[in-house]
Protein backbone atom coordinates (compact mmCIF):
# COMPACT_ATOMS: atom_id res chain seq x y z
CA LEU A 1 0.13 -0.36 0.32
CA GLN A 2 2.89 2.03 0.62
CA GLY A 3 4.53 1.95 -2.55
CA LEU A 4 1.25 1.97 -4.37
CA MET A 5 0.92 5.45 -2.33
CA LYS A 6 5.31 6.76 -3.16
CA ARG A 7 3.83 6.10 -7.18
CA LEU A 8 0.45 7.59 -7.18
CA LEU A 9 2.90 11.08 -5.30
CA GLU A 10 5.52 10.63 -8.15
CA LEU A 11 2.90 10.68 -10.74
CA GLU A 12 1.35 13.99 -8.97
CA ALA A 13 4.29 15.99 -9.33
CA ALA A 14 5.65 15.04 -12.39
CA ALA A 15 2.13 15.91 -14.30
CA GLY A 16 -0.64 16.62 -11.38
CA GLY A 17 -3.72 15.77 -11.30
CA VAL A 18 -4.15 12.82 -9.52
CA LEU A 19 -4.26 13.72 -6.19
CA ASP A 20 -7.14 15.55 -4.66
CA HIS A 21 -5.78 18.33 -3.35
CA ASP A 22 -9.07 20.10 -2.29
CA PHE A 23 -10.44 17.00 -0.19
CA ILE A 24 -7.03 16.75 1.22
CA ALA A 25 -6.46 20.41 2.85
CA ALA A 26 -10.79 19.80 3.82
CA HIS A 27 -10.41 16.95 5.65
CA THR A 28 -7.21 15.01 6.83
CA GLU A 29 -4.49 16.03 8.81
CA GLY A 30 -0.70 14.74 8.41
CA PHE A 31 -0.66 14.68 4.32
CA ALA A 32 2.91 15.88 4.66
CA ALA A 33 4.31 13.72 7.26
CA LEU A 34 2.80 11.40 4.66
CA ALA A 35 4.38 12.27 2.18
CA ALA A 36 7.76 12.62 4.03
CA GLU A 37 7.32 8.99 5.22
CA LEU A 38 6.64 7.53 1.68
CA ALA A 39 9.26 9.51 0.00
CA ALA A 40 11.90 8.06 2.53
CA ARG A 41 10.92 4.51 1.76
CA PRO A 42 13.23 3.26 -0.92
CA TRP A 43 11.83 1.56 -3.68
CA ASP A 44 14.56 -1.67 -3.50
CA ALA A 45 12.66 -2.34 0.30
CA LEU A 46 9.27 -2.08 -0.90
CA CYS A 47 9.29 -4.36 -3.58
CA ALA A 48 11.25 -6.35 -1.26
CA ASP A 49 8.52 -6.15 1.07
CA SER A 50 5.78 -6.86 -1.07
CA GLY A 51 6.70 -9.30 -3.55
CA LEU A 52 5.85 -6.48 -6.35
CA THR A 53 8.08 -4.84 -9.03
CA ARG A 54 8.39 -0.83 -9.97
CA GLU A 55 6.27 -1.67 -13.15
CA GLU A 56 3.63 -3.55 -10.95
CA PHE A 57 3.49 -0.79 -8.82
CA ASP A 58 3.65 1.72 -11.51
CA THR A 59 0.83 0.09 -13.37
CA ALA A 60 -1.37 -0.22 -9.86
CA ALA A 61 -1.22 2.95 -9.67
CA ARG A 62 -2.39 4.08 -13.12
CA VAL A 63 -5.27 2.25 -12.84
CA TYR A 64 -6.12 3.49 -9.66
CA ALA A 65 -5.60 7.22 -10.44
CA ALA A 66 -7.31 6.80 -13.43
CA ALA A 67 -10.84 5.51 -11.84
CA PRO A 68 -13.26 8.05 -11.16
CA THR A 69 -14.62 6.15 -7.99
CA VAL A 70 -13.00 3.44 -6.27
CA ILE A 71 -14.14 1.43 -3.52
CA VAL A 72 -11.67 -0.67 -1.50
CA ALA A 73 -13.21 -3.94 0.16
CA TYR A 74 -11.13 -5.92 2.35
CA GLY A 75 -11.68 -9.38 4.61
CA MET A 76 -11.37 -10.66 7.54
CA GLY A 77 -7.26 -12.01 7.23
CA VAL A 78 -6.66 -7.69 6.79
CA THR A 79 -7.93 -6.85 10.02
CA GLN A 80 -6.95 -11.00 12.25
CA HIS A 81 -3.39 -10.04 10.37
CA ARG A 82 -0.89 -8.96 13.41
CA HIS A 83 -0.48 -5.60 11.11
CA GLY A 84 -3.94 -5.71 10.69
CA THR A 85 -4.21 -1.55 12.45
CA THR A 86 -1.65 -0.71 9.76
CA ALA A 87 -2.93 -2.06 6.82
CA VAL A 88 -6.53 -0.31 7.33
CA HIS A 89 -5.02 2.66 8.24
CA GLN A 90 -2.97 2.43 5.00
CA LEU A 91 -5.89 1.41 2.76
CA ALA A 92 -7.74 4.33 4.20
CA ASN A 93 -4.89 7.04 3.32
CA LEU A 94 -4.86 5.07 0.01
CA LEU A 95 -8.64 6.30 -1.02
CA LEU A 96 -8.43 9.95 1.11
CA LEU A 97 -5.44 10.87 -1.31
CA ARG A 98 -8.08 11.01 -3.82
CA GLY A 99 -10.89 12.09 -2.33
CA GLN A 100 -11.94 8.75 -2.39
CA LEU A 101 -14.64 8.79 0.96
CA GLY A 102 -17.96 10.30 1.26
CA ARG A 103 -19.12 10.12 -2.14
CA PRO A 104 -21.24 7.96 -4.07
CA GLY A 105 -19.92 4.75 -5.55
CA ALA A 106 -16.20 5.01 -3.26
CA GLY A 107 -15.09 4.10 -0.15
CA ILE A 108 -13.50 1.81 2.25
CA CYS A 109 -15.53 -1.50 2.66
CA PRO A 110 -14.70 -4.22 5.25
CA VAL A 111 -16.36 -7.38 4.59
CA ARG A 112 -17.00 -8.69 7.74
CA GLY A 113 -20.07 -10.81 7.63
CA HIS A 114 -22.43 -10.69 10.53
CA SER A 115 -22.57 -11.72 14.25
CA ASN A 116 -22.27 -15.00 13.08
CA VAL A 117 -19.76 -14.72 10.89
CA GLN A 118 -17.63 -17.45 11.39
CA GLY A 119 -20.50 -19.97 10.68
CA ASP A 120 -23.36 -18.72 8.07
CA ARG A 121 -26.21 -20.74 9.17
CA THR A 122 -27.84 -17.38 10.86
CA VAL A 123 -28.36 -16.57 7.19
CA GLY A 124 -30.00 -19.98 5.71
CA ILE A 125 -26.39 -21.07 4.28
CA ASN A 126 -25.56 -24.35 5.13
CA GLU A 127 -24.25 -27.78 3.35
CA ARG A 128 -27.72 -28.79 2.93
CA PRO A 129 -29.95 -26.01 1.93
CA PRO A 130 -34.09 -26.81 2.37
CA ALA A 131 -36.26 -26.55 -0.47
CA ALA A 132 -37.63 -23.48 0.32
CA PHE A 133 -34.40 -21.79 0.67
CA LEU A 134 -33.22 -23.45 -3.08
């Protein structure tokens, strides 16, 4: 996620029109600190940590930058990971850079399920659904 954001900042610096500066100014704080943190992260470390190439980061960043609206959906594996809180913060930061929160067709979508997320029987899903359900 940091590599993706770093590439977005590079694209913004090169050509502009990538970040939503009005949204950032009105609805966020700490942008300069985030930008400095990302600038300080070397590409070789980002690539090694993620298993992605610079070209893959570039491709993903360009797709994201071109999308008029974006919804980031993530499952329980993200939040249950030992770095889950940090990962969710970074997902939010990614969306905030382009103003992709608080408007139709955009936002963050944690796919957590319901109170019985570990077993689906309360919503009628099981290995032998009754004929009426089918």
